[in-house]
Amino acid sequence: GETLEDTVRREIMEEVGLKVKNIQYYKSQPWGLSGSVLSGFFCD
């Protein structure tokens, strides 16, 4: 039920307790070690 942007906000809040803005997509990568496709973002 999450968007990728929602994942960015949630993971940051859960792991380091910070709020962010200006979420900007960078690029993606397949990562077979975790069976995933990674989406990279920068934010402020």
All heavy atoms as atom14 arrays in JSON, in Angstrom:
{
  "sequence": "GETLEDTVRREIMEEVGLKVKNIQYYKSQPWGLSGSVLSGFFCD",
  "atom14_mask": [
    [1, 1, 1, 1, 0, 0, 0, 0, 0, 0, 0, 0, 0, 0],
    [1, 1, 1, 1, 1, 1, 1, 1, 1, 0, 0, 0, 0, 0],
    [1, 1, 1, 1, 1, 1, 1, 0, 0, 0, 0, 0, 0, 0],
    [1, 1, 1, 1, 1, 1, 1, 1, 0, 0, 0, 0, 0, 0],
    [1, 1, 1, 1, 1, 1, 1, 1, 1, 0, 0, 0, 0, 0],
    [1, 1, 1, 1, 1, 1, 1, 1, 0, 0, 0, 0, 0, 0],
    [1, 1, 1, 1, 1, 1, 1, 0, 0, 0, 0, 0, 0, 0],
    [1, 1, 1, 1, 1, 1, 1, 0, 0, 0, 0, 0, 0, 0],
    [1, 1, 1, 1, 1, 1, 1, 1, 1, 1, 1, 0, 0, 0],
    [1, 1, 1, 1, 1, 1, 1, 1, 1, 1, 1, 0, 0, 0],
    [1, 1, 1, 1, 1, 1, 1, 1, 1, 0, 0, 0, 0, 0],
    [1, 1, 1, 1, 1, 1, 1, 1, 0, 0, 0, 0, 0, 0],
    [1, 1, 1, 1, 1, 1, 1, 1, 0, 0, 0, 0, 0, 0],
    [1, 1, 1, 1, 1, 1, 1, 1, 1, 0, 0, 0, 0, 0],
    [1, 1, 1, 1, 1, 1, 1, 1, 1, 0, 0, 0, 0, 0],
    [1, 1, 1, 1, 1, 1, 1, 0, 0, 0, 0, 0, 0, 0],
    [1, 1, 1, 1, 0, 0, 0, 0, 0, 0, 0, 0, 0, 0],
    [1, 1, 1, 1, 1, 1, 1, 1, 0, 0, 0, 0, 0, 0],
    [1, 1, 1, 1, 1, 1, 1, 1, 1, 0, 0, 0, 0, 0],
    [1, 1, 1, 1, 1, 1, 1, 0, 0, 0, 0, 0, 0, 0],
    [1, 1, 1, 1, 1, 1, 1, 1, 1, 0, 0, 0, 0, 0],
    [1, 1, 1, 1, 1, 1, 1, 1, 0, 0, 0, 0, 0, 0],
    [1, 1, 1, 1, 1, 1, 1, 1, 0, 0, 0, 0, 0, 0],
    [1, 1, 1, 1, 1, 1, 1, 1, 1, 0, 0, 0, 0, 0],
    [1, 1, 1, 1, 1, 1, 1, 1, 1, 1, 1, 1, 0, 0],
    [1, 1, 1, 1, 1, 1, 1, 1, 1, 1, 1, 1, 0, 0],
    [1, 1, 1, 1, 1, 1, 1, 1, 1, 0, 0, 0, 0, 0],
    [1, 1, 1, 1, 1, 1, 0, 0, 0, 0, 0, 0, 0, 0],
    [1, 1, 1, 1, 1, 1, 1, 1, 1, 0, 0, 0, 0, 0],
    [1, 1, 1, 1, 1, 1, 1, 0, 0, 0, 0, 0, 0, 0],
    [1, 1, 1, 1, 1, 1, 1, 1, 1, 1, 1, 1, 1, 1],
    [1, 1, 1, 1, 0, 0, 0, 0, 0, 0, 0, 0, 0, 0],
    [1, 1, 1, 1, 1, 1, 1, 1, 0, 0, 0, 0, 0, 0],
    [1, 1, 1, 1, 1, 1, 0, 0, 0, 0, 0, 0, 0, 0],
    [1, 1, 1, 1, 0, 0, 0, 0, 0, 0, 0, 0, 0, 0],
    [1, 1, 1, 1, 1, 1, 0, 0, 0, 0, 0, 0, 0, 0],
    [1, 1, 1, 1, 1, 1, 1, 0, 0, 0, 0, 0, 0, 0],
    [1, 1, 1, 1, 1, 1, 1, 1, 0, 0, 0, 0, 0, 0],
    [1, 1, 1, 1, 1, 1, 0, 0, 0, 0, 0, 0, 0, 0],
    [1, 1, 1, 1, 0, 0, 0, 0, 0, 0, 0, 0, 0, 0],
    [1, 1, 1, 1, 1, 1, 1, 1, 1, 1, 1, 0, 0, 0],
    [1, 1, 1, 1, 1, 1, 1, 1, 1, 1, 1, 0, 0, 0],
    [1, 1, 1, 1, 1, 1, 0, 0, 0, 0, 0, 0, 0, 0],
    [1, 1, 1, 1, 1, 1, 1, 1, 0, 0, 0, 0, 0, 0]
  ],
  "atom14_positions": [
    [[0.78, -1.23, 0.0], [0.0, 0.0, 0.0], [0.81, 1.27, 0.0], [0.24, 2.37, 0.04], [0.0, 0.0, 0.0], [0.0, 0.0, 0.0], [0.0, 0.0, 0.0], [0.0, 0.0, 0.0], [0.0, 0.0, 0.0], [0.0, 0.0, 0.0], [0.0, 0.0, 0.0], [0.0, 0.0, 0.0], [0.0, 0.0, 0.0], [0.0, 0.0, 0.0]],
    [[2.15, 1.18, -0.03], [3.0, 2.35, -0.01], [3.44, 2.76, -1.41], [3.66, 1.91, -2.27], [4.29, 2.08, 0.8], [4.16, 2.23, 2.28], [5.52, 2.13, 2.94], [6.42, 1.45, 2.41], [5.67, 2.73, 4.02], [0.0, 0.0, 0.0], [0.0, 0.0, 0.0], [0.0, 0.0, 0.0], [0.0, 0.0, 0.0], [0.0, 0.0, 0.0]],
    [[3.62, 4.05, -1.6], [4.38, 4.53, -2.75], [5.86, 4.47, -2.38], [6.21, 4.35, -1.2], [4.0, 5.97, -3.12], [4.39, 6.84, -2.04], [2.5, 6.11, -3.37], [0.0, 0.0, 0.0], [0.0, 0.0, 0.0], [0.0, 0.0, 0.0], [0.0, 0.0, 0.0], [0.0, 0.0, 0.0], [0.0, 0.0, 0.0], [0.0, 0.0, 0.0]],
    [[6.73, 4.59, -3.36], [8.16, 4.62, -3.07], [8.52, 5.84, -2.22], [9.37, 5.77, -1.33], [8.96, 4.61, -4.37], [8.83, 3.33, -5.21], [9.59, 3.5, -6.52], [9.33, 2.11, -4.46], [0.0, 0.0, 0.0], [0.0, 0.0, 0.0], [0.0, 0.0, 0.0], [0.0, 0.0, 0.0], [0.0, 0.0, 0.0], [0.0, 0.0, 0.0]],
    [[7.85, 6.96, -2.49], [8.11, 8.18, -1.7], [7.68, 8.0, -0.25], [8.36, 8.48, 0.67], [7.38, 9.37, -2.33], [7.93, 9.81, -3.68], [7.41, 8.96, -4.84], [6.59, 8.04, -4.61], [7.83, 9.21, -5.98], [0.0, 0.0, 0.0], [0.0, 0.0, 0.0], [0.0, 0.0, 0.0], [0.0, 0.0, 0.0], [0.0, 0.0, 0.0]],
    [[6.56, 7.29, -0.03], [6.14, 6.99, 1.34], [7.16, 6.1, 2.04], [7.43, 6.27, 3.24], [4.78, 6.29, 1.34], [3.63, 7.22, 1.01], [3.8, 8.44, 1.18], [2.56, 6.72, 0.59], [0.0, 0.0, 0.0], [0.0, 0.0, 0.0], [0.0, 0.0, 0.0], [0.0, 0.0, 0.0], [0.0, 0.0, 0.0], [0.0, 0.0, 0.0]],
    [[7.74, 5.16, 1.29], [8.77, 4.3, 1.86], [9.97, 5.12, 2.31], [10.54, 4.88, 3.38], [9.22, 3.23, 0.84], [8.09, 2.51, 0.38], [10.21, 2.27, 1.48], [0.0, 0.0, 0.0], [0.0, 0.0, 0.0], [0.0, 0.0, 0.0], [0.0, 0.0, 0.0], [0.0, 0.0, 0.0], [0.0, 0.0, 0.0], [0.0, 0.0, 0.0]],
    [[10.37, 6.09, 1.48], [11.49, 6.97, 1.83], [11.22, 7.65, 3.17], [12.05, 7.61, 4.09], [11.72, 8.02, 0.73], [12.67, 9.11, 1.21], [12.26, 7.36, -0.53], [0.0, 0.0, 0.0], [0.0, 0.0, 0.0], [0.0, 0.0, 0.0], [0.0, 0.0, 0.0], [0.0, 0.0, 0.0], [0.0, 0.0, 0.0], [0.0, 0.0, 0.0]],
    [[10.05, 8.27, 3.31], [9.72, 9.01, 4.55], [9.68, 8.07, 5.75], [10.2, 8.39, 6.82], [8.38, 9.72, 4.38], [8.36, 10.77, 3.27], [7.03, 11.49, 3.24], [6.92, 12.36, 2.08], [6.34, 12.02, 0.91], [5.8, 10.8, 0.79], [6.3, 12.87, -0.09], [0.0, 0.0, 0.0], [0.0, 0.0, 0.0], [0.0, 0.0, 0.0]],
    [[9.03, 6.91, 5.59], [8.87, 5.99, 6.71], [10.2, 5.42, 7.17], [10.5, 5.39, 8.37], [7.92, 4.84, 6.32], [7.77, 3.79, 7.43], [6.85, 2.65, 7.0], [7.29, 2.03, 5.76], [8.31, 1.18, 5.66], [9.01, 0.84, 6.73], [8.62, 0.64, 4.49], [0.0, 0.0, 0.0], [0.0, 0.0, 0.0], [0.0, 0.0, 0.0]],
    [[11.01, 4.95, 6.22], [12.29, 4.33, 6.59], [13.2, 5.33, 7.3], [13.89, 4.99, 8.27], [12.98, 3.76, 5.35], [12.35, 2.48, 4.81], [12.57, 1.29, 5.73], [13.48, 1.35, 6.6], [11.83, 0.3, 5.61], [0.0, 0.0, 0.0], [0.0, 0.0, 0.0], [0.0, 0.0, 0.0], [0.0, 0.0, 0.0], [0.0, 0.0, 0.0]],
    [[13.22, 6.56, 6.81], [14.06, 7.57, 7.45], [13.58, 7.87, 8.86], [14.38, 7.97, 9.8], [14.09, 8.86, 6.59], [14.8, 8.59, 5.27], [14.75, 10.0, 7.34], [14.71, 9.73, 4.28], [0.0, 0.0, 0.0], [0.0, 0.0, 0.0], [0.0, 0.0, 0.0], [0.0, 0.0, 0.0], [0.0, 0.0, 0.0], [0.0, 0.0, 0.0]],
    [[12.29, 8.0, 9.03], [11.75, 8.27, 10.36], [12.01, 7.1, 11.3], [12.39, 7.28, 12.46], [10.25, 8.57, 10.27], [9.58, 8.83, 11.61], [10.34, 10.19, 12.58], [9.97, 11.59, 11.51], [0.0, 0.0, 0.0], [0.0, 0.0, 0.0], [0.0, 0.0, 0.0], [0.0, 0.0, 0.0], [0.0, 0.0, 0.0], [0.0, 0.0, 0.0]],
    [[11.82, 5.86, 10.8], [12.01, 4.68, 11.65], [13.48, 4.5, 12.05], [13.78, 4.14, 13.19], [11.52, 3.43, 10.93], [10.01, 3.34, 10.8], [9.57, 2.11, 10.05], [10.43, 1.37, 9.52], [8.35, 1.87, 9.96], [0.0, 0.0, 0.0], [0.0, 0.0, 0.0], [0.0, 0.0, 0.0], [0.0, 0.0, 0.0], [0.0, 0.0, 0.0]],
    [[14.4, 4.71, 11.12], [15.8, 4.36, 11.37], [16.62, 5.48, 12.02], [17.52, 5.21, 12.8], [16.47, 3.9, 10.06], [15.86, 2.61, 9.53], [16.66, 2.01, 8.4], [17.72, 2.57, 8.04], [16.23, 0.97, 7.86], [0.0, 0.0, 0.0], [0.0, 0.0, 0.0], [0.0, 0.0, 0.0], [0.0, 0.0, 0.0], [0.0, 0.0, 0.0]],
    [[16.3, 6.74, 11.67], [17.09, 7.84, 12.23], [16.24, 8.99, 12.79], [16.78, 9.99, 13.24], [18.09, 8.4, 11.18], [19.2, 7.4, 10.94], [17.39, 8.76, 9.89], [0.0, 0.0, 0.0], [0.0, 0.0, 0.0], [0.0, 0.0, 0.0], [0.0, 0.0, 0.0], [0.0, 0.0, 0.0], [0.0, 0.0, 0.0], [0.0, 0.0, 0.0]],
    [[14.91, 8.88, 12.75], [14.04, 9.85, 13.38], [14.06, 11.24, 12.77], [13.9, 12.23, 13.48], [0.0, 0.0, 0.0], [0.0, 0.0, 0.0], [0.0, 0.0, 0.0], [0.0, 0.0, 0.0], [0.0, 0.0, 0.0], [0.0, 0.0, 0.0], [0.0, 0.0, 0.0], [0.0, 0.0, 0.0], [0.0, 0.0, 0.0], [0.0, 0.0, 0.0]],
    [[14.23, 11.32, 11.45], [14.31, 12.61, 10.78], [13.14, 12.81, 9.81], [12.6, 11.83, 9.26], [15.63, 12.72, 9.99], [16.92, 12.64, 10.81], [18.12, 12.59, 9.88], [17.03, 13.81, 11.78], [0.0, 0.0, 0.0], [0.0, 0.0, 0.0], [0.0, 0.0, 0.0], [0.0, 0.0, 0.0], [0.0, 0.0, 0.0], [0.0, 0.0, 0.0]],
    [[12.79, 14.07, 9.58], [11.82, 14.42, 8.56], [12.56, 14.96, 7.33], [13.6, 15.61, 7.46], [10.85, 15.48, 9.08], [9.92, 15.0, 10.19], [8.95, 16.1, 10.61], [8.0, 15.61, 11.69], [7.04, 16.67, 12.1], [0.0, 0.0, 0.0], [0.0, 0.0, 0.0], [0.0, 0.0, 0.0], [0.0, 0.0, 0.0], [0.0, 0.0, 0.0]],
    [[11.99, 14.67, 6.14], [12.65, 15.1, 4.9], [11.65, 15.73, 3.94], [10.43, 15.57, 4.08], [13.35, 13.91, 4.21], [14.49, 13.37, 5.06], [12.36, 12.8, 3.87], [0.0, 0.0, 0.0], [0.0, 0.0, 0.0], [0.0, 0.0, 0.0], [0.0, 0.0, 0.0], [0.0, 0.0, 0.0], [0.0, 0.0, 0.0], [0.0, 0.0, 0.0]],
    [[12.19, 16.43, 2.95], [11.38, 17.07, 1.91], [12.15, 17.0, 0.59], [13.28, 16.53, 0.53], [11.09, 18.52, 2.28], [12.36, 19.37, 2.46], [12.02, 20.78, 2.93], [13.31, 21.6, 3.14], [13.02, 22.98, 3.64], [0.0, 0.0, 0.0], [0.0, 0.0, 0.0], [0.0, 0.0, 0.0], [0.0, 0.0, 0.0], [0.0, 0.0, 0.0]],
    [[11.52, 17.48, -0.48], [12.16, 17.53, -1.81], [12.7, 16.17, -2.24], [13.87, 16.04, -2.64], [13.29, 18.57, -1.84], [12.82, 19.96, -1.47], [11.67, 20.33, -1.73], [13.69, 20.75, -0.87], [0.0, 0.0, 0.0], [0.0, 0.0, 0.0], [0.0, 0.0, 0.0], [0.0, 0.0, 0.0], [0.0, 0.0, 0.0], [0.0, 0.0, 0.0]],
    [[11.88, 15.15, -2.17], [12.3, 13.8, -2.54], [12.48, 13.74, -4.06], [11.55, 14.02, -4.81], [11.27, 12.76, -2.06], [11.18, 12.8, -0.53], [11.65, 11.36, -2.54], [10.06, 11.94, 0.04], [0.0, 0.0, 0.0], [0.0, 0.0, 0.0], [0.0, 0.0, 0.0], [0.0, 0.0, 0.0], [0.0, 0.0, 0.0], [0.0, 0.0, 0.0]],
    [[13.67, 13.36, -4.49], [14.05, 13.41, -5.9], [14.57, 12.04, -6.34], [15.53, 11.52, -5.78], [15.13, 14.47, -6.11], [15.7, 14.55, -7.53], [16.89, 15.47, -7.61], [17.45, 15.88, -6.58], [17.31, 15.8, -8.82], [0.0, 0.0, 0.0], [0.0, 0.0, 0.0], [0.0, 0.0, 0.0], [0.0, 0.0, 0.0], [0.0, 0.0, 0.0]],
    [[13.94, 11.45, -7.37], [14.39, 10.15, -7.88], [15.74, 10.27, -8.57], [15.99, 11.22, -9.31], [13.35, 9.59, -8.86], [13.78, 8.31, -9.55], [13.8, 7.1, -8.86], [14.17, 8.32, -10.89], [14.19, 5.93, -9.48], [14.57, 7.15, -11.52], [14.58, 5.96, -10.82], [14.97, 4.8, -11.45], [0.0, 0.0, 0.0], [0.0, 0.0, 0.0]],
    [[16.64, 9.3, -8.33], [17.95, 9.29, -8.97], [18.01, 8.22, -10.05], [18.01, 8.52, -11.24], [19.04, 9.08, -7.92], [20.42, 8.91, -8.5], [21.02, 9.94, -9.21], [21.12, 7.7, -8.38], [22.28, 9.79, -9.76], [22.39, 7.55, -8.91], [22.96, 8.59, -9.61], [24.21, 8.43, -10.16], [0.0, 0.0, 0.0], [0.0, 0.0, 0.0]],
    [[18.08, 6.95, -9.72], [18.04, 5.85, -10.69], [17.8, 4.55, -9.93], [17.76, 4.53, -8.7], [19.3, 5.77, -11.54], [20.56, 5.46, -10.78], [21.75, 5.16, -11.73], [22.17, 6.37, -12.54], [23.45, 6.11, -13.28], [0.0, 0.0, 0.0], [0.0, 0.0, 0.0], [0.0, 0.0, 0.0], [0.0, 0.0, 0.0], [0.0, 0.0, 0.0]],
    [[17.66, 3.44, -10.67], [17.35, 2.15, -10.05], [18.44, 1.13, -10.35], [19.31, 1.35, -11.2], [15.99, 1.64, -10.54], [16.03, 1.4, -11.93], [0.0, 0.0, 0.0], [0.0, 0.0, 0.0], [0.0, 0.0, 0.0], [0.0, 0.0, 0.0], [0.0, 0.0, 0.0], [0.0, 0.0, 0.0], [0.0, 0.0, 0.0], [0.0, 0.0, 0.0]],
    [[18.35, 0.0, -9.62], [19.33, -1.07, -9.79], [18.74, -2.41, -9.35], [18.14, -2.51, -8.29], [20.58, -0.78, -8.94], [21.6, -1.89, -8.97], [22.83, -1.58, -8.15], [22.74, -1.15, -7.01], [24.01, -1.79, -8.74], [0.0, 0.0, 0.0], [0.0, 0.0, 0.0], [0.0, 0.0, 0.0], [0.0, 0.0, 0.0], [0.0, 0.0, 0.0]],
    [[18.91, -3.47, -10.16], [18.56, -4.81, -9.68], [19.61, -5.26, -8.68], [20.8, -5.0, -8.85], [18.6, -5.66, -10.96], [19.58, -4.95, -11.86], [19.41, -3.48, -11.56], [0.0, 0.0, 0.0], [0.0, 0.0, 0.0], [0.0, 0.0, 0.0], [0.0, 0.0, 0.0], [0.0, 0.0, 0.0], [0.0, 0.0, 0.0], [0.0, 0.0, 0.0]],
    [[19.19, -5.94, -7.62], [20.13, -6.38, -6.59], [19.76, -7.8, -6.17], [18.92, -8.03, -5.31], [20.1, -5.42, -5.4], [21.29, -5.55, -4.5], [21.29, -5.97, -3.2], [22.66, -5.24, -4.82], [22.56, -5.94, -2.69], [23.43, -5.49, -3.67], [23.3, -4.78, -5.97], [24.8, -5.31, -3.63], [24.67, -4.58, -5.94], [25.4, -4.85, -4.79]],
    [[20.4, -8.77, -6.82], [20.03, -10.17, -6.64], [20.3, -10.73, -5.27], [19.69, -11.71, -4.87], [0.0, 0.0, 0.0], [0.0, 0.0, 0.0], [0.0, 0.0, 0.0], [0.0, 0.0, 0.0], [0.0, 0.0, 0.0], [0.0, 0.0, 0.0], [0.0, 0.0, 0.0], [0.0, 0.0, 0.0], [0.0, 0.0, 0.0], [0.0, 0.0, 0.0]],
    [[21.22, -10.13, -4.48], [21.51, -10.64, -3.14], [20.28, -10.62, -2.25], [20.1, -11.49, -1.4], [22.63, -9.83, -2.48], [24.06, -10.09, -2.98], [25.03, -9.19, -2.24], [24.44, -11.55, -2.78], [0.0, 0.0, 0.0], [0.0, 0.0, 0.0], [0.0, 0.0, 0.0], [0.0, 0.0, 0.0], [0.0, 0.0, 0.0], [0.0, 0.0, 0.0]],
    [[19.43, -9.62, -2.44], [18.2, -9.51, -1.63], [16.95, -9.76, -2.47], [15.84, -9.56, -1.98], [18.12, -8.13, -0.98], [18.18, -7.1, -1.97], [0.0, 0.0, 0.0], [0.0, 0.0, 0.0], [0.0, 0.0, 0.0], [0.0, 0.0, 0.0], [0.0, 0.0, 0.0], [0.0, 0.0, 0.0], [0.0, 0.0, 0.0], [0.0, 0.0, 0.0]],
    [[17.13, -10.18, -3.72], [15.98, -10.45, -4.58], [15.14, -9.21, -4.83], [13.92, -9.28, -4.92], [0.0, 0.0, 0.0], [0.0, 0.0, 0.0], [0.0, 0.0, 0.0], [0.0, 0.0, 0.0], [0.0, 0.0, 0.0], [0.0, 0.0, 0.0], [0.0, 0.0, 0.0], [0.0, 0.0, 0.0], [0.0, 0.0, 0.0], [0.0, 0.0, 0.0]],
    [[15.8, -8.06, -4.96], [15.07, -6.8, -5.02], [15.45, -5.96, -6.22], [16.42, -6.24, -6.92], [15.32, -6.0, -3.73], [16.7, -5.79, -3.53], [0.0, 0.0, 0.0], [0.0, 0.0, 0.0], [0.0, 0.0, 0.0], [0.0, 0.0, 0.0], [0.0, 0.0, 0.0], [0.0, 0.0, 0.0], [0.0, 0.0, 0.0], [0.0, 0.0, 0.0]],
    [[14.65, -4.93, -6.45], [15.03, -3.85, -7.35], [15.05, -2.59, -6.49], [14.09, -2.27, -5.79], [14.08, -3.71, -8.55], [12.64, -3.45, -8.12], [14.56, -2.61, -9.49], [0.0, 0.0, 0.0], [0.0, 0.0, 0.0], [0.0, 0.0, 0.0], [0.0, 0.0, 0.0], [0.0, 0.0, 0.0], [0.0, 0.0, 0.0], [0.0, 0.0, 0.0]],
    [[16.2, -1.9, -6.49], [16.41, -0.74, -5.64], [16.12, 0.54, -6.4], [16.57, 0.7, -7.54], [17.86, -0.7, -5.14], [18.4, -1.98, -4.49], [19.87, -1.8, -4.12], [17.58, -2.36, -3.28], [0.0, 0.0, 0.0], [0.0, 0.0, 0.0], [0.0, 0.0, 0.0], [0.0, 0.0, 0.0], [0.0, 0.0, 0.0], [0.0, 0.0, 0.0]],
    [[15.4, 1.45, -5.78], [15.15, 2.77, -6.35], [15.88, 3.8, -5.5], [15.65, 3.89, -4.29], [13.65, 3.09, -6.37], [12.97, 2.22, -7.26], [0.0, 0.0, 0.0], [0.0, 0.0, 0.0], [0.0, 0.0, 0.0], [0.0, 0.0, 0.0], [0.0, 0.0, 0.0], [0.0, 0.0, 0.0], [0.0, 0.0, 0.0], [0.0, 0.0, 0.0]],
    [[16.78, 4.55, -6.11], [17.57, 5.53, -5.38], [16.92, 6.9, -5.38], [16.42, 7.35, -6.41], [0.0, 0.0, 0.0], [0.0, 0.0, 0.0], [0.0, 0.0, 0.0], [0.0, 0.0, 0.0], [0.0, 0.0, 0.0], [0.0, 0.0, 0.0], [0.0, 0.0, 0.0], [0.0, 0.0, 0.0], [0.0, 0.0, 0.0], [0.0, 0.0, 0.0]],
    [[16.93, 7.55, -4.23], [16.36, 8.9, -4.1], [17.34, 9.78, -3.32], [18.04, 9.31, -2.42], [15.04, 8.86, -3.33], [13.91, 8.19, -4.05], [13.72, 6.83, -3.95], [13.02, 8.94, -4.82], [12.67, 6.2, -4.6], [11.96, 8.31, -5.48], [11.79, 6.95, -5.37], [0.0, 0.0, 0.0], [0.0, 0.0, 0.0], [0.0, 0.0, 0.0]],
    [[17.36, 11.06, -3.68], [17.96, 12.09, -2.83], [16.83, 12.91, -2.23], [15.76, 13.07, -2.85], [18.89, 13.0, -3.64], [20.22, 12.39, -3.95], [20.48, 11.85, -5.19], [21.23, 12.37, -2.99], [21.72, 11.29, -5.49], [22.47, 11.82, -3.27], [22.72, 11.27, -4.53], [0.0, 0.0, 0.0], [0.0, 0.0, 0.0], [0.0, 0.0, 0.0]],
    [[17.04, 13.45, -1.04], [16.06, 14.31, -0.41], [16.78, 15.26, 0.53], [17.98, 15.09, 0.83], [14.99, 13.51, 0.33], [15.65, 12.46, 1.64], [0.0, 0.0, 0.0], [0.0, 0.0, 0.0], [0.0, 0.0, 0.0], [0.0, 0.0, 0.0], [0.0, 0.0, 0.0], [0.0, 0.0, 0.0], [0.0, 0.0, 0.0], [0.0, 0.0, 0.0]],
    [[16.07, 16.27, 1.02], [16.65, 17.26, 1.91], [16.06, 17.14, 3.31], [14.86, 16.84, 3.48], [16.39, 18.67, 1.37], [17.09, 18.92, 0.06], [18.29, 18.6, -0.04], [16.44, 19.42, -0.88], [0.0, 0.0, 0.0], [0.0, 0.0, 0.0], [0.0, 0.0, 0.0], [0.0, 0.0, 0.0], [0.0, 0.0, 0.0], [0.0, 0.0, 0.0]]
  ]
}
